[in-house]
Amino acid sequence: MTESAPHDGSSAAAEPMPVEVRRSARRRRTVSADVRNGTMIVSIPASFTRAQEEEWVARMVSKLQGRSAGTADPAAADRALAHRAADLAGRYLGGRGVPGTIGWVTNQNSRWGSATPAHRSIRLSHKLRGMPDWVVDYVILHEMAHLIEPSHNRVFWRLLESYPDTEKAKAFLAGAAFAADHGLSGR
């Protein structure tokens, strides 16, 4: 059962988009948001307190505004990805694996990302947008590791050992893929 309530969304935007909060008894911990017909729909567990609701509405409004800002200027979004990749390479790969090009693509439906070592290029599926930063960071690192070691061998997996959220991100992506494959995405 889902309960809906309007929300003004004014805490996160100068010109607020209407926000509808949907409480679901079936949700335990997950929160999702989407824009439909000019209204942001934020789905939360029915057990959330009003304070948790306010916190998550603000987070999701901010995240969706960032997502739409990123799609308005694809070149700026790709530049932001390049800076993010360079930062991650410096922190976790000893500065190695920085791509020559990295960008969001909409034609990648069976993979989260792909790398072409010969061109030092990385493409990330648009389906990653809106996922937690630590998941997107893992996918970027995974693809940068392929620029260093193309195979999923022992050397490749050692490259990712320094990233603390590797296993958690792999589990998250497996769950997201399962949900999408079984029509459980909540959208």
C-alpha atoms as a PDB file:
ATOM      1  CA  MET A   1       0.000   0.000   0.000  1.00  0.00           C
ATOM      2  CA  THR A   2       1.285   3.438  -0.870  1.00  0.00           C
ATOM      3  CA  GLU A   3       0.278   6.731   0.740  1.00  0.00           C
ATOM      4  CA  SER A   4       0.888   9.989  -1.157  1.00  0.00           C
ATOM      5  CA  ALA A   5       1.350  13.474   0.230  1.00  0.00           C
ATOM      6  CA  PRO A   6       2.238  16.771  -1.456  1.00  0.00           C
ATOM      7  CA  HIS A   7       5.439  18.535  -0.473  1.00  0.00           C
ATOM      8  CA  ASP A   8       6.584  21.984  -1.527  1.00  0.00           C
ATOM      9  CA  GLY A   9      10.248  21.153  -2.227  1.00  0.00           C
ATOM     10  CA  SER A  10      11.065  24.788  -1.414  1.00  0.00           C
ATOM     11  CA  SER A  11      14.036  24.028   0.788  1.00  0.00           C
ATOM     12  CA  ALA A  12      16.187  22.974  -2.168  1.00  0.00           C
ATOM     13  CA  ALA A  13      15.309  25.244  -5.078  1.00  0.00           C
ATOM     14  CA  ALA A  14      14.628  28.894  -5.826  1.00  0.00           C
ATOM     15  CA  GLU A  15      11.741  27.965  -8.132  1.00  0.00           C
ATOM     16  CA  PRO A  16      10.443  24.788  -6.519  1.00  0.00           C
ATOM     17  CA  MET A  17       9.102  21.944  -8.583  1.00  0.00           C
ATOM     18  CA  PRO A  18       6.025  20.337  -7.048  1.00  0.00           C
ATOM     19  CA  VAL A  19       7.049  17.307  -4.999  1.00  0.00           C
ATOM     20  CA  GLU A  20       4.805  14.389  -4.152  1.00  0.00           C
ATOM     21  CA  VAL A  21       5.947  12.048  -1.384  1.00  0.00           C
ATOM     22  CA  ARG A  22       4.744   8.475  -1.629  1.00  0.00           C
ATOM     23  CA  ARG A  23       5.006   6.338   1.487  1.00  0.00           C
ATOM     24  CA  SER A  24       5.083   2.621   0.837  1.00  0.00           C
ATOM     25  CA  ALA A  25       4.662  -0.171   3.378  1.00  0.00           C
ATOM     26  CA  ARG A  26       6.594  -2.449   1.004  1.00  0.00           C
ATOM     27  CA  ARG A  27       9.712  -0.268   1.136  1.00  0.00           C
ATOM     28  CA  ARG A  28      12.030  -0.946   4.046  1.00  0.00           C
ATOM     29  CA  ARG A  29      15.105   1.243   3.444  1.00  0.00           C
ATOM     30  CA  THR A  30      15.198   2.435  -0.148  1.00  0.00           C
ATOM     31  CA  VAL A  31      14.316   5.883  -1.411  1.00  0.00           C
ATOM     32  CA  SER A  32      13.800   6.748  -5.072  1.00  0.00           C
ATOM     33  CA  ALA A  33      12.799   9.816  -7.036  1.00  0.00           C
ATOM     34  CA  ASP A  34      11.634  10.512 -10.538  1.00  0.00           C
ATOM     35  CA  VAL A  35       9.994  13.389 -12.396  1.00  0.00           C
ATOM     36  CA  ARG A  36       6.636  12.695 -13.999  1.00  0.00           C
ATOM     37  CA  ASN A  37       4.528  15.338 -15.726  1.00  0.00           C
ATOM     38  CA  GLY A  38       6.475  18.155 -14.073  1.00  0.00           C
ATOM     39  CA  THR A  39       6.115  16.729 -10.550  1.00  0.00           C
ATOM     40  CA  MET A  40       8.915  15.087  -8.619  1.00  0.00           C
ATOM     41  CA  ILE A  41       7.765  11.800  -7.086  1.00  0.00           C
ATOM     42  CA  VAL A  42       9.809  10.765  -4.028  1.00  0.00           C
ATOM     43  CA  SER A  43       9.068   7.240  -2.781  1.00  0.00           C
ATOM     44  CA  ILE A  44      10.046   6.470   0.825  1.00  0.00           C
ATOM     45  CA  PRO A  45       9.346   3.744   3.396  1.00  0.00           C
ATOM     46  CA  ALA A  46       6.101   4.263   5.323  1.00  0.00           C
ATOM     47  CA  SER A  47       8.094   3.923   8.560  1.00  0.00           C
ATOM     48  CA  PHE A  48      10.122   7.107   7.951  1.00  0.00           C
ATOM     49  CA  THR A  49       9.628   9.946  10.423  1.00  0.00           C
ATOM     50  CA  ARG A  50       8.732  13.425   9.164  1.00  0.00           C
ATOM     51  CA  ALA A  51      12.353  14.471   9.808  1.00  0.00           C
ATOM     52  CA  GLN A  52      13.628  11.585   7.669  1.00  0.00           C
ATOM     53  CA  GLU A  53      11.090  12.511   4.991  1.00  0.00           C
ATOM     54  CA  GLU A  54      12.301  16.128   4.935  1.00  0.00           C
ATOM     55  CA  GLU A  55      15.945  15.019   4.789  1.00  0.00           C
ATOM     56  CA  TRP A  56      15.357  12.600   1.918  1.00  0.00           C
ATOM     57  CA  VAL A  57      13.151  14.957  -0.069  1.00  0.00           C
ATOM     58  CA  ALA A  58      15.903  17.593   0.117  1.00  0.00           C
ATOM     59  CA  ARG A  59      18.528  15.022  -0.950  1.00  0.00           C
ATOM     60  CA  MET A  60      16.489  13.753  -3.870  1.00  0.00           C
ATOM     61  CA  VAL A  61      15.539  17.250  -5.070  1.00  0.00           C
ATOM     62  CA  SER A  62      19.234  18.154  -5.019  1.00  0.00           C
ATOM     63  CA  LYS A  63      20.225  14.941  -6.799  1.00  0.00           C
ATOM     64  CA  LEU A  64      17.618  15.296  -9.554  1.00  0.00           C
ATOM     65  CA  GLN A  65      18.499  18.959 -10.068  1.00  0.00           C
ATOM     66  CA  GLY A  66      22.131  17.913 -10.462  1.00  0.00           C
ATOM     67  CA  ARG A  67      21.138  15.161 -12.875  1.00  0.00           C
ATOM     68  CA  SER A  68      19.127  17.526 -15.054  1.00  0.00           C
ATOM     69  CA  ALA A  69      21.911  20.110 -14.899  1.00  0.00           C
ATOM     70  CA  GLY A  70      24.341  17.444 -16.090  1.00  0.00           C
ATOM     71  CA  THR A  71      22.184  16.530 -19.064  1.00  0.00           C
ATOM     72  CA  ALA A  72      21.587  20.138 -20.096  1.00  0.00           C
ATOM     73  CA  ASP A  73      25.270  20.504 -21.051  1.00  0.00           C
ATOM     74  CA  PRO A  74      26.775  17.123 -21.996  1.00  0.00           C
ATOM     75  CA  ALA A  75      30.245  18.633 -22.520  1.00  0.00           C
ATOM     76  CA  ALA A  76      30.223  20.041 -18.971  1.00  0.00           C
ATOM     77  CA  ALA A  77      29.059  16.684 -17.631  1.00  0.00           C
ATOM     78  CA  ASP A  78      31.898  14.932 -19.468  1.00  0.00           C
ATOM     79  CA  ARG A  79      34.435  17.471 -18.138  1.00  0.00           C
ATOM     80  CA  ALA A  80      33.144  16.812 -14.625  1.00  0.00           C
ATOM     81  CA  LEU A  81      33.594  13.074 -15.224  1.00  0.00           C
ATOM     82  CA  ALA A  82      37.161  13.669 -16.447  1.00  0.00           C
ATOM     83  CA  HIS A  83      38.011  15.578 -13.254  1.00  0.00           C
ATOM     84  CA  ARG A  84      36.334  12.897 -11.147  1.00  0.00           C
ATOM     85  CA  ALA A  85      38.260  10.140 -12.950  1.00  0.00           C
ATOM     86  CA  ALA A  86      41.584  11.946 -12.478  1.00  0.00           C
ATOM     87  CA  ASP A  87      40.847  12.396  -8.774  1.00  0.00           C
ATOM     88  CA  LEU A  88      39.906   8.721  -8.354  1.00  0.00           C
ATOM     89  CA  ALA A  89      42.995   7.587 -10.287  1.00  0.00           C
ATOM     90  CA  GLY A  90      45.175   9.682  -7.995  1.00  0.00           C
ATOM     91  CA  ARG A  91      43.573   8.341  -4.833  1.00  0.00           C
ATOM     92  CA  TYR A  92      43.210   4.661  -5.732  1.00  0.00           C
ATOM     93  CA  LEU A  93      45.319   3.773  -8.787  1.00  0.00           C
ATOM     94  CA  GLY A  94      48.541   5.658  -8.139  1.00  0.00           C
ATOM     95  CA  GLY A  95      47.665   8.150 -10.870  1.00  0.00           C
ATOM     96  CA  ARG A  96      47.435   5.427 -13.524  1.00  0.00           C
ATOM     97  CA  GLY A  97      44.473   4.642 -15.764  1.00  0.00           C
ATOM     98  CA  VAL A  98      43.333   8.221 -16.392  1.00  0.00           C
ATOM     99  CA  PRO A  99      41.192   8.087 -19.543  1.00  0.00           C
ATOM    100  CA  GLY A 100      41.794  10.289 -22.556  1.00  0.00           C
ATOM    101  CA  THR A 101      38.021  10.613 -22.873  1.00  0.00           C
ATOM    102  CA  ILE A 102      35.148   9.681 -20.578  1.00  0.00           C
ATOM    103  CA  GLY A 103      31.471  10.356 -21.065  1.00  0.00           C
ATOM    104  CA  TRP A 104      27.863   9.400 -20.460  1.00  0.00           C
ATOM    105  CA  VAL A 105      26.115   7.381 -23.175  1.00  0.00           C
ATOM    106  CA  THR A 106      22.492   6.356 -23.636  1.00  0.00           C
ATOM    107  CA  ASN A 107      23.071   3.428 -25.986  1.00  0.00           C
ATOM    108  CA  GLN A 108      24.598   1.090 -23.418  1.00  0.00           C
ATOM    109  CA  ASN A 109      21.867  -1.116 -22.002  1.00  0.00           C
ATOM    110  CA  SER A 110      23.595  -4.329 -20.960  1.00  0.00           C
ATOM    111  CA  ARG A 111      26.672  -2.855 -19.226  1.00  0.00           C
ATOM    112  CA  TRP A 112      27.243  -0.187 -16.602  1.00  0.00           C
ATOM    113  CA  GLY A 113      30.376   0.982 -18.338  1.00  0.00           C
ATOM    114  CA  SER A 114      32.914   0.053 -20.974  1.00  0.00           C
ATOM    115  CA  ALA A 115      36.529   0.858 -21.710  1.00  0.00           C
ATOM    116  CA  THR A 116      38.580   0.789 -24.886  1.00  0.00           C
ATOM    117  CA  PRO A 117      42.243   0.594 -23.837  1.00  0.00           C
ATOM    118  CA  ALA A 118      43.524   1.269 -27.379  1.00  0.00           C
ATOM    119  CA  HIS A 119      41.748   4.647 -27.380  1.00  0.00           C
ATOM    120  CA  ARG A 120      41.981   5.237 -23.607  1.00  0.00           C
ATOM    121  CA  SER A 121      38.249   5.917 -23.630  1.00  0.00           C
ATOM    122  CA  ILE A 122      35.528   5.124 -21.102  1.00  0.00           C
ATOM    123  CA  ARG A 123      31.780   5.206 -21.620  1.00  0.00           C
ATOM    124  CA  LEU A 124      29.331   5.123 -18.710  1.00  0.00           C
ATOM    125  CA  SER A 125      25.697   4.107 -19.007  1.00  0.00           C
ATOM    126  CA  HIS A 126      23.185   6.857 -18.301  1.00  0.00           C
ATOM    127  CA  LYS A 127      21.510   4.302 -16.019  1.00  0.00           C
ATOM    128  CA  LEU A 128      24.204   5.073 -13.420  1.00  0.00           C
ATOM    129  CA  ARG A 129      22.905   8.627 -13.025  1.00  0.00           C
ATOM    130  CA  GLY A 130      21.122   8.970  -9.731  1.00  0.00           C
ATOM    131  CA  MET A 131      22.943   5.997  -8.193  1.00  0.00           C
ATOM    132  CA  PRO A 132      25.035   6.643  -5.077  1.00  0.00           C
ATOM    133  CA  ASP A 133      28.367   8.345  -5.726  1.00  0.00           C
ATOM    134  CA  TRP A 134      30.306   5.394  -4.290  1.00  0.00           C
ATOM    135  CA  VAL A 135      28.700   3.126  -6.922  1.00  0.00           C
ATOM    136  CA  VAL A 136      29.510   5.477  -9.822  1.00  0.00           C
ATOM    137  CA  ASP A 137      33.045   5.876  -8.443  1.00  0.00           C
ATOM    138  CA  TYR A 138      33.431   2.083  -8.433  1.00  0.00           C
ATOM    139  CA  VAL A 139      32.310   1.809 -12.074  1.00  0.00           C
ATOM    140  CA  ILE A 140      34.721   4.585 -13.090  1.00  0.00           C
ATOM    141  CA  LEU A 141      37.561   2.850 -11.214  1.00  0.00           C
ATOM    142  CA  HIS A 142      36.601  -0.520 -12.726  1.00  0.00           C
ATOM    143  CA  GLU A 143      36.781   0.912 -16.233  1.00  0.00           C
ATOM    144  CA  MET A 144      40.039   2.775 -15.496  1.00  0.00           C
ATOM    145  CA  ALA A 145      41.501  -0.506 -14.224  1.00  0.00           C
ATOM    146  CA  HIS A 146      40.680  -1.950 -17.666  1.00  0.00           C
ATOM    147  CA  LEU A 147      42.820   0.777 -19.229  1.00  0.00           C
ATOM    148  CA  ILE A 148      45.712  -0.663 -17.195  1.00  0.00           C
ATOM    149  CA  GLU A 149      44.773  -4.367 -17.381  1.00  0.00           C
ATOM    150  CA  PRO A 150      42.157  -5.344 -19.992  1.00  0.00           C
ATOM    151  CA  SER A 151      41.280  -8.759 -18.493  1.00  0.00           C
ATOM    152  CA  HIS A 152      39.384  -9.614 -15.306  1.00  0.00           C
ATOM    153  CA  ASN A 153      42.426 -11.431 -13.951  1.00  0.00           C
ATOM    154  CA  ARG A 154      44.216 -11.315 -10.606  1.00  0.00           C
ATOM    155  CA  VAL A 155      46.203  -8.213 -11.607  1.00  0.00           C
ATOM    156  CA  PHE A 156      42.973  -6.402 -12.531  1.00  0.00           C
ATOM    157  CA  TRP A 157      41.217  -7.184  -9.232  1.00  0.00           C
ATOM    158  CA  ARG A 158      44.310  -6.176  -7.227  1.00  0.00           C
ATOM    159  CA  LEU A 159      44.050  -2.721  -8.798  1.00  0.00           C
ATOM    160  CA  LEU A 160      40.618  -2.293  -7.193  1.00  0.00           C
ATOM    161  CA  GLU A 161      41.591  -3.537  -3.714  1.00  0.00           C
ATOM    162  CA  SER A 162      42.370  -0.043  -2.430  1.00  0.00           C
ATOM    163  CA  TYR A 163      38.819   1.206  -3.102  1.00  0.00           C
ATOM    164  CA  PRO A 164      36.948   0.461   0.142  1.00  0.00           C
ATOM    165  CA  ASP A 165      33.474   0.165  -1.423  1.00  0.00           C
ATOM    166  CA  THR A 166      34.289  -2.328  -4.191  1.00  0.00           C
ATOM    167  CA  GLU A 167      32.329  -5.279  -2.792  1.00  0.00           C
ATOM    168  CA  LYS A 168      29.420  -3.121  -1.638  1.00  0.00           C
ATOM    169  CA  ALA A 169      29.208  -1.447  -5.073  1.00  0.00           C
ATOM    170  CA  LYS A 170      29.354  -4.795  -6.886  1.00  0.00           C
ATOM    171  CA  ALA A 171      26.480  -6.037  -4.718  1.00  0.00           C
ATOM    172  CA  PHE A 172      24.492  -2.834  -5.321  1.00  0.00           C
ATOM    173  CA  LEU A 173      24.920  -3.139  -9.094  1.00  0.00           C
ATOM    174  CA  ALA A 174      23.964  -6.823  -9.022  1.00  0.00           C
ATOM    175  CA  GLY A 175      20.804  -5.904  -7.119  1.00  0.00           C
ATOM    176  CA  ALA A 176      20.019  -3.054  -9.519  1.00  0.00           C
ATOM    177  CA  ALA A 177      20.487  -5.372 -12.506  1.00  0.00           C
ATOM    178  CA  PHE A 178      18.272  -8.039 -10.922  1.00  0.00           C
ATOM    179  CA  ALA A 179      15.567  -5.478 -10.158  1.00  0.00           C
ATOM    180  CA  ALA A 180      15.662  -4.096 -13.703  1.00  0.00           C
ATOM    181  CA  ASP A 181      15.614  -7.583 -15.251  1.00  0.00           C
ATOM    182  CA  HIS A 182      12.585  -8.554 -13.158  1.00  0.00           C
ATOM    183  CA  GLY A 183      10.605  -5.326 -13.439  1.00  0.00           C
ATOM    184  CA  LEU A 184      11.239  -4.418  -9.796  1.00  0.00           C
ATOM    185  CA  SER A 185      12.780  -0.994 -10.326  1.00  0.00           C
ATOM    186  CA  GLY A 186       9.902   0.854  -8.658  1.00  0.00           C
ATOM    187  CA  ARG A 187       9.419   3.185 -11.637  1.00  0.00           C
END
